[in-house]
Amino acid sequence: MRHALRKQFGIYAGRLKIRRLMNVLGIAAIYPKRNFAMADKLHKKYPYLLRNVAVTRVNQVWSTDITYIKLNGGFVPRCLNRRWKNMARRRY
């Protein structure tokens, strides 16, 4: 916020002043809280099925990831499909 004020309006303000103004306006940063990514003990853990599989052909291995992004009005799903043959080439 400090950098945006300086860039757009030429206003120089310190970290504490920005913090106080954000509290007055009721603005808060959205970020993952502590222990956000810790797995629950009751959740089932699935084995990694591709451990000993050599990916040699295109379209041999695909994966899907569904992530929910938190917005002010609720959550929005984001779906990602990925071909792993292309990803294996980029790693090396």
N, C-alpha and C. Protein backbone atom coordinates (compact mmCIF):
# COMPACT_ATOMS: atom_id res chain seq x y z
N MET A 1 0.82 -1.18 0.00
CA MET A 1 0.00 0.00 0.00
C MET A 1 0.88 1.25 0.00
N ARG A 2 1.99 1.19 0.74
CA ARG A 2 2.91 2.33 0.76
C ARG A 2 3.42 2.64 -0.64
N HIS A 3 3.79 1.59 -1.35
CA HIS A 3 4.35 1.78 -2.68
C HIS A 3 3.28 2.29 -3.65
N ALA A 4 2.05 1.82 -3.50
CA ALA A 4 0.97 2.28 -4.37
C ALA A 4 0.67 3.76 -4.12
N LEU A 5 0.67 4.19 -2.86
CA LEU A 5 0.44 5.61 -2.56
C LEU A 5 1.56 6.48 -3.13
N ARG A 6 2.78 5.98 -3.00
CA ARG A 6 3.91 6.76 -3.50
C ARG A 6 3.90 6.84 -5.02
N LYS A 7 3.59 5.71 -5.68
CA LYS A 7 3.61 5.67 -7.13
C LYS A 7 2.47 6.47 -7.76
N GLN A 8 1.25 6.27 -7.25
CA GLN A 8 0.09 6.89 -7.88
C GLN A 8 -0.11 8.35 -7.48
N PHE A 9 0.12 8.66 -6.20
CA PHE A 9 -0.23 9.99 -5.70
C PHE A 9 0.96 10.80 -5.21
N GLY A 10 2.14 10.19 -5.12
CA GLY A 10 3.30 10.91 -4.62
C GLY A 10 3.26 11.15 -3.12
N ILE A 11 2.51 10.33 -2.38
CA ILE A 11 2.38 10.48 -0.93
C ILE A 11 3.35 9.54 -0.26
N TYR A 12 4.19 10.08 0.61
CA TYR A 12 5.14 9.26 1.37
C TYR A 12 4.58 9.04 2.76
N ALA A 13 4.42 7.78 3.15
CA ALA A 13 3.89 7.44 4.47
C ALA A 13 4.65 6.24 5.00
N GLY A 14 4.87 6.23 6.30
CA GLY A 14 5.59 5.13 6.93
C GLY A 14 4.70 3.91 7.15
N ARG A 15 5.34 2.82 7.57
CA ARG A 15 4.63 1.57 7.80
C ARG A 15 3.59 1.69 8.90
N LEU A 16 3.91 2.39 9.97
CA LEU A 16 2.98 2.51 11.09
C LEU A 16 1.77 3.38 10.74
N LYS A 17 1.99 4.42 9.94
CA LYS A 17 0.87 5.26 9.53
C LYS A 17 -0.08 4.48 8.62
N ILE A 18 0.49 3.70 7.71
CA ILE A 18 -0.33 2.87 6.83
C ILE A 18 -1.11 1.85 7.65
N ARG A 19 -0.47 1.27 8.65
CA ARG A 19 -1.14 0.29 9.51
C ARG A 19 -2.31 0.93 10.25
N ARG A 20 -2.11 2.14 10.78
CA ARG A 20 -3.17 2.84 11.51
C ARG A 20 -4.32 3.19 10.58
N LEU A 21 -4.01 3.67 9.37
CA LEU A 21 -5.06 4.02 8.42
C LEU A 21 -5.85 2.80 7.97
N MET A 22 -5.16 1.68 7.79
CA MET A 22 -5.86 0.46 7.41
C MET A 22 -6.81 0.01 8.52
N ASN A 23 -6.39 0.16 9.79
CA ASN A 23 -7.28 -0.18 10.92
C ASN A 23 -8.49 0.74 10.95
N VAL A 24 -8.29 2.03 10.70
CA VAL A 24 -9.41 2.99 10.71
C VAL A 24 -10.40 2.67 9.60
N LEU A 25 -9.90 2.31 8.42
CA LEU A 25 -10.77 2.02 7.29
C LEU A 25 -11.33 0.60 7.30
N GLY A 26 -10.81 -0.25 8.19
CA GLY A 26 -11.29 -1.63 8.26
C GLY A 26 -10.74 -2.50 7.15
N ILE A 27 -9.57 -2.17 6.64
CA ILE A 27 -8.95 -2.94 5.57
C ILE A 27 -7.96 -3.92 6.20
N ALA A 28 -7.99 -5.16 5.75
CA ALA A 28 -7.06 -6.17 6.26
C ALA A 28 -6.53 -7.01 5.11
N ALA A 29 -5.31 -7.47 5.24
CA ALA A 29 -4.71 -8.32 4.22
C ALA A 29 -5.28 -9.73 4.33
N ILE A 30 -5.43 -10.39 3.17
CA ILE A 30 -5.88 -11.78 3.14
C ILE A 30 -4.66 -12.64 2.86
N TYR A 31 -4.34 -13.52 3.79
CA TYR A 31 -3.19 -14.41 3.64
C TYR A 31 -3.45 -15.67 4.44
N PRO A 32 -2.77 -16.77 4.11
CA PRO A 32 -2.97 -18.02 4.86
C PRO A 32 -2.54 -17.85 6.31
N LYS A 33 -3.35 -18.30 7.19
CA LYS A 33 -3.04 -18.20 8.62
C LYS A 33 -2.07 -19.30 9.05
N ARG A 34 -1.64 -19.26 10.26
CA ARG A 34 -0.68 -20.23 10.80
C ARG A 34 -1.26 -21.64 10.75
N ASN A 35 -0.43 -22.61 10.40
CA ASN A 35 -0.79 -24.02 10.28
C ASN A 35 -1.89 -24.26 9.25
N PHE A 36 -1.93 -23.45 8.22
CA PHE A 36 -2.98 -23.55 7.20
C PHE A 36 -2.84 -24.84 6.38
N ALA A 37 -1.61 -25.21 6.05
CA ALA A 37 -1.40 -26.34 5.15
C ALA A 37 -1.15 -27.66 5.89
N MET A 38 -1.41 -27.72 7.17
CA MET A 38 -1.17 -28.96 7.91
C MET A 38 -2.29 -29.95 7.66
N ALA A 39 -1.94 -31.19 7.41
CA ALA A 39 -2.93 -32.23 7.14
C ALA A 39 -3.61 -32.67 8.44
N ASP A 40 -4.87 -33.01 8.31
CA ASP A 40 -5.62 -33.51 9.46
C ASP A 40 -5.25 -34.97 9.69
N LYS A 41 -5.15 -35.39 10.94
CA LYS A 41 -4.78 -36.77 11.28
C LYS A 41 -5.84 -37.78 10.81
N LEU A 42 -7.10 -37.35 10.70
CA LEU A 42 -8.18 -38.26 10.34
C LEU A 42 -8.31 -38.45 8.82
N HIS A 43 -7.67 -37.58 8.02
CA HIS A 43 -7.78 -37.70 6.57
C HIS A 43 -6.99 -38.90 6.06
N LYS A 44 -7.54 -39.57 5.06
CA LYS A 44 -6.88 -40.72 4.48
C LYS A 44 -5.72 -40.25 3.59
N LYS A 45 -4.58 -40.93 3.68
CA LYS A 45 -3.42 -40.61 2.86
C LYS A 45 -3.33 -41.63 1.74
N TYR A 46 -3.29 -41.14 0.50
CA TYR A 46 -3.26 -42.01 -0.66
C TYR A 46 -1.82 -42.24 -1.11
N PRO A 47 -1.52 -43.43 -1.62
CA PRO A 47 -0.15 -43.69 -2.09
C PRO A 47 0.14 -42.97 -3.40
N TYR A 48 1.42 -42.72 -3.66
CA TYR A 48 1.84 -42.09 -4.90
C TYR A 48 1.96 -43.19 -5.96
N LEU A 49 1.06 -43.19 -6.92
CA LEU A 49 0.96 -44.29 -7.87
C LEU A 49 1.97 -44.22 -9.02
N LEU A 50 2.64 -43.09 -9.17
CA LEU A 50 3.58 -42.93 -10.29
C LEU A 50 5.04 -43.06 -9.85
N ARG A 51 5.30 -43.62 -8.69
CA ARG A 51 6.66 -43.68 -8.17
C ARG A 51 7.62 -44.43 -9.09
N ASN A 52 7.25 -45.59 -9.59
CA ASN A 52 8.14 -46.40 -10.42
C ASN A 52 7.70 -46.43 -11.89
N VAL A 53 6.94 -45.43 -12.32
CA VAL A 53 6.46 -45.38 -13.69
C VAL A 53 7.35 -44.44 -14.49
N ALA A 54 7.86 -44.92 -15.61
CA ALA A 54 8.65 -44.08 -16.50
C ALA A 54 7.71 -43.44 -17.51
N VAL A 55 7.64 -42.13 -17.52
CA VAL A 55 6.78 -41.41 -18.45
C VAL A 55 7.55 -41.24 -19.75
N THR A 56 7.16 -42.00 -20.77
CA THR A 56 7.92 -42.01 -22.03
C THR A 56 7.13 -41.46 -23.21
N ARG A 57 5.82 -41.37 -23.10
CA ARG A 57 4.98 -40.91 -24.21
C ARG A 57 4.19 -39.69 -23.80
N VAL A 58 3.84 -38.91 -24.81
CA VAL A 58 2.94 -37.78 -24.59
C VAL A 58 1.55 -38.35 -24.31
N ASN A 59 0.81 -37.71 -23.43
CA ASN A 59 -0.55 -38.11 -23.03
C ASN A 59 -0.57 -39.42 -22.24
N GLN A 60 0.54 -39.85 -21.71
CA GLN A 60 0.56 -41.07 -20.90
C GLN A 60 0.08 -40.79 -19.48
N VAL A 61 0.44 -39.65 -18.92
CA VAL A 61 0.07 -39.31 -17.55
C VAL A 61 -0.53 -37.92 -17.53
N TRP A 62 -1.71 -37.81 -16.94
CA TRP A 62 -2.40 -36.54 -16.74
C TRP A 62 -2.73 -36.39 -15.26
N SER A 63 -2.93 -35.17 -14.83
CA SER A 63 -3.39 -34.94 -13.46
C SER A 63 -4.36 -33.76 -13.46
N THR A 64 -5.17 -33.72 -12.43
CA THR A 64 -6.13 -32.64 -12.25
C THR A 64 -5.99 -32.08 -10.85
N ASP A 65 -6.01 -30.76 -10.75
CA ASP A 65 -5.94 -30.10 -9.46
C ASP A 65 -7.11 -29.13 -9.36
N ILE A 66 -7.90 -29.24 -8.31
CA ILE A 66 -8.99 -28.30 -8.07
C ILE A 66 -8.65 -27.51 -6.82
N THR A 67 -8.51 -26.21 -6.98
CA THR A 67 -8.16 -25.33 -5.88
C THR A 67 -9.28 -24.33 -5.69
N TYR A 68 -9.64 -24.04 -4.45
CA TYR A 68 -10.67 -23.06 -4.16
C TYR A 68 -10.01 -21.77 -3.69
N ILE A 69 -10.29 -20.68 -4.39
CA ILE A 69 -9.71 -19.38 -4.08
C ILE A 69 -10.74 -18.58 -3.31
N LYS A 70 -10.32 -18.03 -2.16
CA LYS A 70 -11.25 -17.27 -1.32
C LYS A 70 -11.34 -15.83 -1.80
N LEU A 71 -12.56 -15.39 -2.05
CA LEU A 71 -12.84 -14.00 -2.41
C LEU A 71 -13.78 -13.42 -1.35
N ASN A 72 -14.08 -12.14 -1.47
CA ASN A 72 -14.95 -11.50 -0.48
C ASN A 72 -16.34 -12.12 -0.45
N GLY A 73 -16.87 -12.52 -1.60
CA GLY A 73 -18.22 -13.06 -1.66
C GLY A 73 -18.31 -14.56 -1.43
N GLY A 74 -17.18 -15.24 -1.29
CA GLY A 74 -17.18 -16.68 -1.10
C GLY A 74 -15.95 -17.30 -1.74
N PHE A 75 -16.11 -18.53 -2.21
CA PHE A 75 -15.00 -19.26 -2.82
C PHE A 75 -15.25 -19.48 -4.31
N VAL A 76 -14.19 -19.46 -5.10
CA VAL A 76 -14.26 -19.69 -6.53
C VAL A 76 -13.37 -20.89 -6.85
N PRO A 77 -13.91 -21.93 -7.53
CA PRO A 77 -13.05 -23.07 -7.87
C PRO A 77 -12.19 -22.76 -9.09
N ARG A 78 -10.95 -23.25 -9.05
CA ARG A 78 -10.04 -23.15 -10.19
C ARG A 78 -9.57 -24.55 -10.52
N CYS A 79 -9.80 -24.99 -11.74
CA CYS A 79 -9.44 -26.34 -12.16
C CYS A 79 -8.25 -26.27 -13.09
N LEU A 80 -7.26 -27.16 -12.88
CA LEU A 80 -6.06 -27.19 -13.69
C LEU A 80 -5.81 -28.62 -14.15
N ASN A 81 -5.75 -28.83 -15.45
CA ASN A 81 -5.40 -30.13 -16.03
C ASN A 81 -3.99 -30.02 -16.59
N ARG A 82 -3.18 -31.05 -16.35
CA ARG A 82 -1.77 -30.97 -16.73
C ARG A 82 -1.30 -32.28 -17.35
N ARG A 83 -0.53 -32.17 -18.43
CA ARG A 83 0.14 -33.32 -19.04
C ARG A 83 1.55 -33.39 -18.45
N TRP A 84 1.93 -34.52 -17.88
CA TRP A 84 3.22 -34.61 -17.18
C TRP A 84 4.38 -34.89 -18.10
N LYS A 85 4.17 -35.33 -19.31
CA LYS A 85 5.29 -35.54 -20.24
C LYS A 85 5.95 -34.20 -20.55
N ASN A 86 5.17 -33.17 -20.79
CA ASN A 86 5.72 -31.84 -21.07
C ASN A 86 6.44 -31.28 -19.84
N MET A 87 5.89 -31.53 -18.65
CA MET A 87 6.50 -31.01 -17.43
C MET A 87 7.83 -31.70 -17.16
N ALA A 88 7.95 -33.00 -17.50
CA ALA A 88 9.20 -33.71 -17.27
C ALA A 88 10.31 -33.14 -18.15
N ARG A 89 9.98 -32.70 -19.35
CA ARG A 89 10.98 -32.09 -20.22
C ARG A 89 11.47 -30.76 -19.66
N ARG A 90 10.60 -30.00 -19.08
CA ARG A 90 10.98 -28.67 -18.58
C ARG A 90 11.85 -28.74 -17.34
N ARG A 91 11.76 -29.81 -16.58
CA ARG A 91 12.52 -29.90 -15.34
C ARG A 91 14.02 -30.04 -15.60
N TYR A 92 14.41 -30.65 -16.71
CA TYR A 92 15.83 -30.92 -16.93
C TYR A 92 16.48 -29.88 -17.74
